[in-house]
C-alpha cells in the first residue's frame, strides 16, 4: 500500500471504483484487478478505523481513571 495513502484518499478511490463498476465502465479484464484493489483499500480503511477506535478507547479509559 502507498506510504502516503490516507483514509480520505483510499475512500475516494473506493468510491471511484464502485462508480466505474456501477456504470459498467470497467471491462471484464480490468474487473478482477479493480476488485482486488478495492479489497485492499477497504482493508486499509478498516485498519485505520480500528486504530482510531483503540486510541479513543484508551483516551476514555485514561480520562475515566482520572476522575
PDB file of N, CA and C in Angstrom:
ATOM      1  N   UNK A   1       0.851  -1.174   0.000  1.00  0.00           N
ATOM      2  CA  UNK A   1       0.000   0.000   0.000  1.00  0.00           C
ATOM      3  C   UNK A   1       0.900   1.242   0.000  1.00  0.00           C
ATOM      4  N   UNK A   2       0.430   2.293  -0.612  1.00  0.00           N
ATOM      5  CA  UNK A   2       1.199   3.525  -0.703  1.00  0.00           C
ATOM      6  C   UNK A   2       1.518   4.073   0.681  1.00  0.00           C
ATOM      7  N   UNK A   3       2.743   4.610   0.835  1.00  0.00           N
ATOM      8  CA  UNK A   3       3.110   5.221   2.117  1.00  0.00           C
ATOM      9  C   UNK A   3       2.310   6.485   2.391  1.00  0.00           C
ATOM     10  N   UNK A   4       1.941   7.203   1.340  1.00  0.00           N
ATOM     11  CA  UNK A   4       1.223   8.459   1.517  1.00  0.00           C
ATOM     12  C   UNK A   4      -0.286   8.290   1.415  1.00  0.00           C
ATOM     13  N   UNK A   5      -0.753   7.066   1.436  1.00  0.00           N
ATOM     14  CA  UNK A   5      -2.184   6.826   1.357  1.00  0.00           C
ATOM     15  C   UNK A   5      -2.849   7.242   2.662  1.00  0.00           C
ATOM     16  N   UNK A   6      -3.895   7.998   2.541  1.00  0.00           N
ATOM     17  CA  UNK A   6      -4.668   8.422   3.701  1.00  0.00           C
ATOM     18  C   UNK A   6      -6.043   7.767   3.622  1.00  0.00           C
ATOM     19  N   UNK A   7      -6.755   7.832   4.721  1.00  0.00           N
ATOM     20  CA  UNK A   7      -8.119   7.292   4.739  1.00  0.00           C
ATOM     21  C   UNK A   7      -8.959   7.976   3.664  1.00  0.00           C
ATOM     22  N   UNK A   8      -8.849   9.286   3.572  1.00  0.00           N
ATOM     23  CA  UNK A   8      -9.642  10.046   2.611  1.00  0.00           C
ATOM     24  C   UNK A   8      -9.331   9.641   1.175  1.00  0.00           C
ATOM     25  N   UNK A   9      -8.040   9.481   0.866  1.00  0.00           N
ATOM     26  CA  UNK A   9      -7.652   9.069  -0.490  1.00  0.00           C
ATOM     27  C   UNK A   9      -8.147   7.661  -0.796  1.00  0.00           C
ATOM     28  N   UNK A  10      -8.016   6.771   0.164  1.00  0.00           N
ATOM     29  CA  UNK A  10      -8.464   5.391  -0.032  1.00  0.00           C
ATOM     30  C   UNK A  10      -9.974   5.358  -0.239  1.00  0.00           C
ATOM     31  N   UNK A  11     -10.709   6.088   0.589  1.00  0.00           N
ATOM     32  CA  UNK A  11     -12.163   6.124   0.484  1.00  0.00           C
ATOM     33  C   UNK A  11     -12.586   6.675  -0.871  1.00  0.00           C
ATOM     34  N   UNK A  12     -11.921   7.724  -1.310  1.00  0.00           N
ATOM     35  CA  UNK A  12     -12.237   8.328  -2.612  1.00  0.00           C
ATOM     36  C   UNK A  12     -11.995   7.327  -3.741  1.00  0.00           C
ATOM     37  N   UNK A  13     -10.887   6.605  -3.665  1.00  0.00           N
ATOM     38  CA  UNK A  13     -10.592   5.625  -4.716  1.00  0.00           C
ATOM     39  C   UNK A  13     -11.619   4.487  -4.711  1.00  0.00           C
ATOM     40  N   UNK A  14     -12.039   4.069  -3.527  1.00  0.00           N
ATOM     41  CA  UNK A  14     -13.082   3.036  -3.431  1.00  0.00           C
ATOM     42  C   UNK A  14     -14.358   3.542  -4.109  1.00  0.00           C
ATOM     43  N   UNK A  15     -14.711   4.794  -3.853  1.00  0.00           N
ATOM     44  CA  UNK A  15     -15.908   5.391  -4.467  1.00  0.00           C
ATOM     45  C   UNK A  15     -15.788   5.405  -5.986  1.00  0.00           C
ATOM     46  N   UNK A  16     -14.613   5.779  -6.478  1.00  0.00           N
ATOM     47  CA  UNK A  16     -14.395   5.843  -7.925  1.00  0.00           C
ATOM     48  C   UNK A  16     -14.506   4.459  -8.563  1.00  0.00           C
ATOM     49  N   UNK A  17     -13.929   3.456  -7.899  1.00  0.00           N
ATOM     50  CA  UNK A  17     -14.011   2.085  -8.414  1.00  0.00           C
ATOM     51  C   UNK A  17     -15.466   1.625  -8.430  1.00  0.00           C
ATOM     52  N   UNK A  18     -16.190   1.900  -7.347  1.00  0.00           N
ATOM     53  CA  UNK A  18     -17.597   1.499  -7.275  1.00  0.00           C
ATOM     54  C   UNK A  18     -18.421   2.174  -8.371  1.00  0.00           C
ATOM     55  N   UNK A  19     -18.191   3.452  -8.589  1.00  0.00           N
ATOM     56  CA  UNK A  19     -18.937   4.173  -9.629  1.00  0.00           C
ATOM     57  C   UNK A  19     -18.630   3.607 -11.014  1.00  0.00           C
ATOM     58  N   UNK A  20     -17.362   3.298 -11.247  1.00  0.00           N
ATOM     59  CA  UNK A  20     -16.978   2.728 -12.542  1.00  0.00           C
ATOM     60  C   UNK A  20     -17.631   1.363 -12.748  1.00  0.00           C
ATOM     61  N   UNK A  21     -17.690   0.575 -11.684  1.00  0.00           N
ATOM     62  CA  UNK A  21     -18.326  -0.739 -11.784  1.00  0.00           C
ATOM     63  C   UNK A  21     -19.828  -0.605 -12.033  1.00  0.00           C
ATOM     64  N   UNK A  22     -20.461   0.311 -11.308  1.00  0.00           N
ATOM     65  CA  UNK A  22     -21.898   0.514 -11.453  1.00  0.00           C
ATOM     66  C   UNK A  22     -22.271   1.030 -12.838  1.00  0.00           C
ATOM     67  N   UNK A  23     -21.425   1.861 -13.410  1.00  0.00           N
ATOM     68  CA  UNK A  23     -21.718   2.418 -14.732  1.00  0.00           C
ATOM     69  C   UNK A  23     -21.167   1.544 -15.848  1.00  0.00           C
ATOM     70  N   UNK A  24     -20.629   0.399 -15.453  1.00  0.00           N
ATOM     71  CA  UNK A  24     -20.082  -0.583 -16.395  1.00  0.00           C
ATOM     72  C   UNK A  24     -18.961  -0.008 -17.256  1.00  0.00           C
ATOM     73  N   UNK A  25     -18.168   0.905 -16.679  1.00  0.00           N
ATOM     74  CA  UNK A  25     -17.037   1.488 -17.391  1.00  0.00           C
ATOM     75  C   UNK A  25     -15.813   0.582 -17.353  1.00  0.00           C
ATOM     76  N   UNK A  26     -15.846  -0.433 -16.507  1.00  0.00           N
ATOM     77  CA  UNK A  26     -14.702  -1.339 -16.378  1.00  0.00           C
ATOM     78  C   UNK A  26     -14.975  -2.574 -17.220  1.00  0.00           C
ATOM     79  N   UNK A  27     -14.015  -2.903 -18.077  1.00  0.00           N
ATOM     80  CA  UNK A  27     -14.193  -4.108 -18.875  1.00  0.00           C
ATOM     81  C   UNK A  27     -13.859  -5.337 -18.037  1.00  0.00           C
ATOM     82  N   UNK A  28     -14.205  -6.475 -18.531  1.00  0.00           N
ATOM     83  CA  UNK A  28     -14.047  -7.727 -17.791  1.00  0.00           C
ATOM     84  C   UNK A  28     -12.590  -7.962 -17.406  1.00  0.00           C
ATOM     85  N   UNK A  29     -11.674  -7.601 -18.258  1.00  0.00           N
ATOM     86  CA  UNK A  29     -10.251  -7.809 -17.969  1.00  0.00           C
ATOM     87  C   UNK A  29      -9.776  -6.976 -16.778  1.00  0.00           C
ATOM     88  N   UNK A  30     -10.317  -5.793 -16.617  1.00  0.00           N
ATOM     89  CA  UNK A  30      -9.945  -4.910 -15.511  1.00  0.00           C
ATOM     90  C   UNK A  30     -10.699  -5.206 -14.229  1.00  0.00           C
ATOM     91  N   UNK A  31     -11.814  -5.870 -14.338  1.00  0.00           N
ATOM     92  CA  UNK A  31     -12.703  -6.069 -13.203  1.00  0.00           C
ATOM     93  C   UNK A  31     -12.013  -6.745 -12.024  1.00  0.00           C
ATOM     94  N   UNK A  32     -11.312  -7.831 -12.263  1.00  0.00           N
ATOM     95  CA  UNK A  32     -10.636  -8.550 -11.178  1.00  0.00           C
ATOM     96  C   UNK A  32      -9.574  -7.673 -10.528  1.00  0.00           C
ATOM     97  N   UNK A  33      -8.841  -6.933 -11.335  1.00  0.00           N
ATOM     98  CA  UNK A  33      -7.800  -6.042 -10.818  1.00  0.00           C
ATOM     99  C   UNK A  33      -8.407  -4.942  -9.947  1.00  0.00           C
ATOM    100  N   UNK A  34      -9.472  -4.329 -10.417  1.00  0.00           N
ATOM    101  CA  UNK A  34     -10.121  -3.256  -9.657  1.00  0.00           C
ATOM    102  C   UNK A  34     -10.762  -3.797  -8.379  1.00  0.00           C
ATOM    103  N   UNK A  35     -11.348  -4.986  -8.466  1.00  0.00           N
ATOM    104  CA  UNK A  35     -11.967  -5.588  -7.284  1.00  0.00           C
ATOM    105  C   UNK A  35     -10.902  -5.892  -6.232  1.00  0.00           C
ATOM    106  N   UNK A  36      -9.743  -6.377  -6.652  1.00  0.00           N
ATOM    107  CA  UNK A  36      -8.649  -6.664  -5.719  1.00  0.00           C
ATOM    108  C   UNK A  36      -8.130  -5.369  -5.094  1.00  0.00           C
ATOM    109  N   UNK A  37      -8.014  -4.322  -5.876  1.00  0.00           N
ATOM    110  CA  UNK A  37      -7.564  -3.026  -5.353  1.00  0.00           C
ATOM    111  C   UNK A  37      -8.576  -2.485  -4.342  1.00  0.00           C
ATOM    112  N   UNK A  38      -9.843  -2.589  -4.673  1.00  0.00           N
ATOM    113  CA  UNK A  38     -10.877  -2.120  -3.749  1.00  0.00           C
ATOM    114  C   UNK A  38     -10.815  -2.902  -2.447  1.00  0.00           C
ATOM    115  N   UNK A  39     -10.592  -4.196  -2.531  1.00  0.00           N
ATOM    116  CA  UNK A  39     -10.499  -5.026  -1.330  1.00  0.00           C
ATOM    117  C   UNK A  39      -9.338  -4.574  -0.445  1.00  0.00           C
ATOM    118  N   UNK A  40      -8.192  -4.268  -1.043  1.00  0.00           N
ATOM    119  CA  UNK A  40      -7.030  -3.788  -0.278  1.00  0.00           C
ATOM    120  C   UNK A  40      -7.328  -2.429   0.367  1.00  0.00           C
ATOM    121  N   UNK A  41      -7.998  -1.571  -0.378  1.00  0.00           N
ATOM    122  CA  UNK A  41      -8.331  -0.249   0.149  1.00  0.00           C
ATOM    123  C   UNK A  41      -9.325  -0.345   1.303  1.00  0.00           C
ATOM    124  N   UNK A  42     -10.288  -1.232   1.184  1.00  0.00           N
ATOM    125  CA  UNK A  42     -11.268  -1.432   2.258  1.00  0.00           C
ATOM    126  C   UNK A  42     -10.565  -1.956   3.503  1.00  0.00           C
ATOM    127  N   UNK A  43      -9.647  -2.885   3.320  1.00  0.00           N
ATOM    128  CA  UNK A  43      -8.884  -3.416   4.455  1.00  0.00           C
ATOM    129  C   UNK A  43      -8.090  -2.295   5.125  1.00  0.00           C
ATOM    130  N   UNK A  44      -7.441  -1.451   4.321  1.00  0.00           N
ATOM    131  CA  UNK A  44      -6.684  -0.318   4.837  1.00  0.00           C
ATOM    132  C   UNK A  44      -7.580   0.592   5.667  1.00  0.00           C
ATOM    133  N   UNK A  45      -8.767   0.916   5.145  1.00  0.00           N
ATOM    134  CA  UNK A  45      -9.692   1.802   5.851  1.00  0.00           C
ATOM    135  C   UNK A  45     -10.166   1.182   7.159  1.00  0.00           C
ATOM    136  N   UNK A  46     -10.482  -0.101   7.129  1.00  0.00           N
ATOM    137  CA  UNK A  46     -10.917  -0.775   8.362  1.00  0.00           C
ATOM    138  C   UNK A  46      -9.828  -0.746   9.422  1.00  0.00           C
ATOM    139  N   UNK A  47      -8.598  -1.014   9.010  1.00  0.00           N
ATOM    140  CA  UNK A  47      -7.481  -0.997   9.958  1.00  0.00           C
ATOM    141  C   UNK A  47      -7.284   0.395  10.541  1.00  0.00           C
ATOM    142  N   UNK A  48      -7.415   1.399   9.703  1.00  0.00           N
ATOM    143  CA  UNK A  48      -7.286   2.785  10.156  1.00  0.00           C
ATOM    144  C   UNK A  48      -8.363   3.106  11.192  1.00  0.00           C
ATOM    145  N   UNK A  49      -9.585   2.712  10.909  1.00  0.00           N
ATOM    146  CA  UNK A  49     -10.689   2.970  11.838  1.00  0.00           C
ATOM    147  C   UNK A  49     -10.517   2.200  13.140  1.00  0.00           C
ATOM    148  N   UNK A  50     -10.033   0.968  13.065  1.00  0.00           N
ATOM    149  CA  UNK A  50      -9.791   0.190  14.287  1.00  0.00           C
ATOM    150  C   UNK A  50      -8.721   0.849  15.150  1.00  0.00           C
ATOM    151  N   UNK A  51      -7.681   1.349  14.503  1.00  0.00           N
ATOM    152  CA  UNK A  51      -6.610   2.032  15.231  1.00  0.00           C
ATOM    153  C   UNK A  51      -7.149   3.263  15.945  1.00  0.00           C
ATOM    154  N   UNK A  52      -7.954   4.018  15.244  1.00  0.00           N
ATOM    155  CA  UNK A  52      -8.549   5.217  15.840  1.00  0.00           C
ATOM    156  C   UNK A  52      -9.472   4.834  16.992  1.00  0.00           C
ATOM    157  N   UNK A  53     -10.271   3.800  16.799  1.00  0.00           N
ATOM    158  CA  UNK A  53     -11.174   3.351  17.852  1.00  0.00           C
ATOM    159  C   UNK A  53     -10.396   2.929  19.094  1.00  0.00           C
ATOM    160  N   UNK A  54      -9.322   2.186  18.905  1.00  0.00           N
ATOM    161  CA  UNK A  54      -8.493   1.750  20.026  1.00  0.00           C
ATOM    162  C   UNK A  54      -7.892   2.948  20.749  1.00  0.00           C
ATOM    163  N   UNK A  55      -7.406   3.916  19.999  1.00  0.00           N
ATOM    164  CA  UNK A  55      -6.833   5.124  20.600  1.00  0.00           C
ATOM    165  C   UNK A  55      -7.871   5.896  21.406  1.00  0.00           C
ATOM    166  N   UNK A  56      -9.054   6.019  20.849  1.00  0.00           N
ATOM    167  CA  UNK A  56     -10.119   6.738  21.556  1.00  0.00           C
ATOM    168  C   UNK A  56     -10.541   6.004  22.820  1.00  0.00           C
ATOM    169  N   UNK A  57     -10.626   4.694  22.757  1.00  0.00           N
ATOM    170  CA  UNK A  57     -10.980   3.918  23.939  1.00  0.00           C
ATOM    171  C   UNK A  57      -9.939   4.103  25.040  1.00  0.00           C
ATOM    172  N   UNK A  58      -8.672   4.162  24.639  1.00  0.00           N
ATOM    173  CA  UNK A  58      -7.590   4.389  25.596  1.00  0.00           C
ATOM    174  C   UNK A  58      -7.729   5.760  26.246  1.00  0.00           C
ATOM    175  N   UNK A  59      -8.016   6.764  25.448  1.00  0.00           N
ATOM    176  CA  UNK A  59      -8.200   8.115  25.971  1.00  0.00           C
ATOM    177  C   UNK A  59      -9.364   8.143  26.957  1.00  0.00           C
ATOM    178  N   UNK A  60     -10.462   7.512  26.610  1.00  0.00           N
ATOM    179  CA  UNK A  60     -11.625   7.475  27.504  1.00  0.00           C
ATOM    180  C   UNK A  60     -11.297   6.749  28.809  1.00  0.00           C
ATOM    181  N   UNK A  61     -10.573   5.638  28.715  1.00  0.00           N
ATOM    182  CA  UNK A  61     -10.188   4.900  29.929  1.00  0.00           C
ATOM    183  C   UNK A  61      -9.307   5.764  30.826  1.00  0.00           C
ATOM    184  N   UNK A  62      -8.331   6.434  30.226  1.00  0.00           N
ATOM    185  CA  UNK A  62      -7.446   7.305  30.998  1.00  0.00           C
ATOM    186  C   UNK A  62      -8.225   8.435  31.650  1.00  0.00           C
ATOM    187  N   UNK A  63      -9.163   9.001  30.887  1.00  0.00           N
ATOM    188  CA  UNK A  63      -9.968  10.087  31.412  1.00  0.00           C
ATOM    189  C   UNK A  63     -10.847   9.603  32.574  1.00  0.00           C
ATOM    190  N   UNK A  64     -11.432   8.442  32.432  1.00  0.00           N
ATOM    191  CA  UNK A  64     -12.278   7.888  33.489  1.00  0.00           C
ATOM    192  C   UNK A  64     -11.472   7.583  34.747  1.00  0.00           C
ATOM    193  N   UNK A  65     -10.237   7.124  34.595  1.00  0.00           N
ATOM    194  CA  UNK A  65      -9.425   6.779  35.757  1.00  0.00           C
ATOM    195  C   UNK A  65      -8.943   8.026  36.508  1.00  0.00           C
ATOM    196  N   UNK A  66      -8.932   9.170  35.863  1.00  0.00           N
ATOM    197  CA  UNK A  66      -8.504  10.419  36.498  1.00  0.00           C
ATOM    198  C   UNK A  66      -9.630  11.057  37.307  1.00  0.00           C
ATOM    199  N   UNK A  67     -10.828  10.676  37.015  1.00  0.00           N
ATOM    200  CA  UNK A  67     -11.982  11.317  37.697  1.00  0.00           C
ATOM    201  C   UNK A  67     -12.226  10.715  39.027  1.00  0.00           C
TER     202      UNK A  67
END
